[in-house]
Amino acid sequence: MNVLNVIVAVTVAVVILRVGIAMLRGLARPVPEPPPAGELRKVKLGYRCSICGAEVRMTVAPDEEPAPPRHCLEDMDLITPIE
């Protein structure tokens, strides 16, 4: 009976060790490359939901005048002027 307990303990220890190593390898992956220059533009736009009042600040967008985000199933209202 003691031999069986040792075998089970060693098996569980090996499984825990392998899972731990796999998790550490997942964390050690390098950060992905940033998108190519020119794809995203810096913007400074604020939007407000006309239904619930939630506000969002957009800092990057694919073009100068992006489409407004949706909230509460409706387009949000622009609260900062586009310069």
C-alpha atoms as a PDB file:
ATOM      1  CA  MET A   1       0.000   0.000   0.000  1.00  0.00           C
ATOM      2  CA  ASN A   2       2.888   2.403   0.732  1.00  0.00           C
ATOM      3  CA  VAL A   3       4.393   1.839  -2.737  1.00  0.00           C
ATOM      4  CA  LEU A   4       1.085   2.803  -4.350  1.00  0.00           C
ATOM      5  CA  ASN A   5       0.955   6.038  -2.325  1.00  0.00           C
ATOM      6  CA  VAL A   6       4.483   6.951  -3.426  1.00  0.00           C
ATOM      7  CA  ILE A   7       3.669   6.281  -7.095  1.00  0.00           C
ATOM      8  CA  VAL A   8       0.522   8.444  -6.912  1.00  0.00           C
ATOM      9  CA  ALA A   9       2.413  11.257  -5.145  1.00  0.00           C
ATOM     10  CA  VAL A  10       5.222  11.236  -7.716  1.00  0.00           C
ATOM     11  CA  THR A  11       2.707  11.234 -10.592  1.00  0.00           C
ATOM     12  CA  VAL A  12       0.799  14.179  -9.129  1.00  0.00           C
ATOM     13  CA  ALA A  13       4.060  16.079  -8.540  1.00  0.00           C
ATOM     14  CA  VAL A  14       5.149  15.543 -12.160  1.00  0.00           C
ATOM     15  CA  VAL A  15       1.778  16.717 -13.480  1.00  0.00           C
ATOM     16  CA  ILE A  16       1.849  19.852 -11.311  1.00  0.00           C
ATOM     17  CA  LEU A  17       5.442  20.572 -12.381  1.00  0.00           C
ATOM     18  CA  ARG A  18       4.596  20.244 -16.094  1.00  0.00           C
ATOM     19  CA  VAL A  19       1.514  22.466 -15.775  1.00  0.00           C
ATOM     20  CA  GLY A  20       3.570  25.096 -13.943  1.00  0.00           C
ATOM     21  CA  ILE A  21       6.313  25.065 -16.574  1.00  0.00           C
ATOM     22  CA  ALA A  22       3.714  25.353 -19.357  1.00  0.00           C
ATOM     23  CA  MET A  23       2.162  28.384 -17.632  1.00  0.00           C
ATOM     24  CA  LEU A  24       5.553  30.078 -17.234  1.00  0.00           C
ATOM     25  CA  ARG A  25       6.361  29.458 -20.917  1.00  0.00           C
ATOM     26  CA  GLY A  26       3.060  31.097 -21.840  1.00  0.00           C
ATOM     27  CA  LEU A  27       3.994  34.212 -19.865  1.00  0.00           C
ATOM     28  CA  ALA A  28       7.478  34.361 -21.389  1.00  0.00           C
ATOM     29  CA  ARG A  29       6.262  34.955 -24.969  1.00  0.00           C
ATOM     30  CA  PRO A  30       7.444  38.250 -26.465  1.00  0.00           C
ATOM     31  CA  VAL A  31       5.073  41.188 -26.909  1.00  0.00           C
ATOM     32  CA  PRO A  32       3.573  41.251 -30.429  1.00  0.00           C
ATOM     33  CA  GLU A  33       4.859  43.834 -32.908  1.00  0.00           C
ATOM     34  CA  PRO A  34       2.986  47.153 -32.996  1.00  0.00           C
ATOM     35  CA  PRO A  35       0.856  47.830 -36.077  1.00  0.00           C
ATOM     36  CA  PRO A  36       2.643  49.421 -39.049  1.00  0.00           C
ATOM     37  CA  ALA A  37       2.961  53.198 -38.955  1.00  0.00           C
ATOM     38  CA  GLY A  38       0.081  55.019 -40.574  1.00  0.00           C
ATOM     39  CA  GLU A  39      -2.643  52.468 -39.905  1.00  0.00           C
ATOM     40  CA  LEU A  40      -3.898  54.111 -36.720  1.00  0.00           C
ATOM     41  CA  ARG A  41      -4.033  57.856 -36.174  1.00  0.00           C
ATOM     42  CA  LYS A  42      -4.021  59.716 -32.894  1.00  0.00           C
ATOM     43  CA  VAL A  43      -7.325  61.432 -32.210  1.00  0.00           C
ATOM     44  CA  LYS A  44      -8.778  63.093 -29.132  1.00  0.00           C
ATOM     45  CA  LEU A  45     -12.542  62.649 -29.295  1.00  0.00           C
ATOM     46  CA  GLY A  46     -15.133  62.340 -26.566  1.00  0.00           C
ATOM     47  CA  TYR A  47     -18.489  60.607 -26.963  1.00  0.00           C
ATOM     48  CA  ARG A  48     -21.533  60.423 -24.688  1.00  0.00           C
ATOM     49  CA  CYS A  49     -24.387  57.910 -24.728  1.00  0.00           C
ATOM     50  CA  SER A  50     -27.670  59.820 -25.039  1.00  0.00           C
ATOM     51  CA  ILE A  51     -29.561  57.040 -23.234  1.00  0.00           C
ATOM     52  CA  CYS A  52     -27.506  56.284 -20.116  1.00  0.00           C
ATOM     53  CA  GLY A  53     -24.925  59.094 -20.079  1.00  0.00           C
ATOM     54  CA  ALA A  54     -21.812  56.893 -20.271  1.00  0.00           C
ATOM     55  CA  GLU A  55     -18.802  58.727 -21.716  1.00  0.00           C
ATOM     56  CA  VAL A  56     -15.944  57.359 -23.834  1.00  0.00           C
ATOM     57  CA  ARG A  57     -12.697  59.014 -24.929  1.00  0.00           C
ATOM     58  CA  MET A  58     -11.253  57.755 -28.225  1.00  0.00           C
ATOM     59  CA  THR A  59      -7.486  58.200 -28.540  1.00  0.00           C
ATOM     60  CA  VAL A  60      -6.636  56.252 -31.722  1.00  0.00           C
ATOM     61  CA  ALA A  61      -8.678  55.564 -34.841  1.00  0.00           C
ATOM     62  CA  PRO A  62      -8.094  54.289 -38.378  1.00  0.00           C
ATOM     63  CA  ASP A  63      -9.057  57.672 -39.893  1.00  0.00           C
ATOM     64  CA  GLU A  64      -9.424  61.351 -38.919  1.00  0.00           C
ATOM     65  CA  GLU A  65     -13.222  61.230 -38.563  1.00  0.00           C
ATOM     66  CA  PRO A  66     -14.094  57.761 -37.200  1.00  0.00           C
ATOM     67  CA  ALA A  67     -17.622  56.429 -36.915  1.00  0.00           C
ATOM     68  CA  PRO A  68     -19.055  56.904 -33.422  1.00  0.00           C
ATOM     69  CA  PRO A  69     -18.978  53.901 -31.077  1.00  0.00           C
ATOM     70  CA  ARG A  70     -22.225  52.196 -30.116  1.00  0.00           C
ATOM     71  CA  HIS A  71     -23.618  51.947 -26.599  1.00  0.00           C
ATOM     72  CA  CYS A  72     -27.104  50.885 -25.470  1.00  0.00           C
ATOM     73  CA  LEU A  73     -27.629  49.747 -29.095  1.00  0.00           C
ATOM     74  CA  GLU A  74     -27.400  53.374 -30.351  1.00  0.00           C
ATOM     75  CA  ASP A  75     -24.589  55.536 -31.789  1.00  0.00           C
ATOM     76  CA  MET A  76     -22.979  57.759 -29.166  1.00  0.00           C
ATOM     77  CA  ASP A  77     -23.073  61.573 -29.523  1.00  0.00           C
ATOM     78  CA  LEU A  78     -19.833  63.479 -30.186  1.00  0.00           C
ATOM     79  CA  ILE A  79     -19.125  65.923 -27.338  1.00  0.00           C
ATOM     80  CA  THR A  80     -15.734  67.302 -28.483  1.00  0.00           C
ATOM     81  CA  PRO A  81     -15.373  69.195 -31.769  1.00  0.00           C
ATOM     82  CA  ILE A  82     -13.282  67.734 -34.565  1.00  0.00           C
ATOM     83  CA  GLU A  83     -10.446  70.166 -35.218  1.00  0.00           C
END
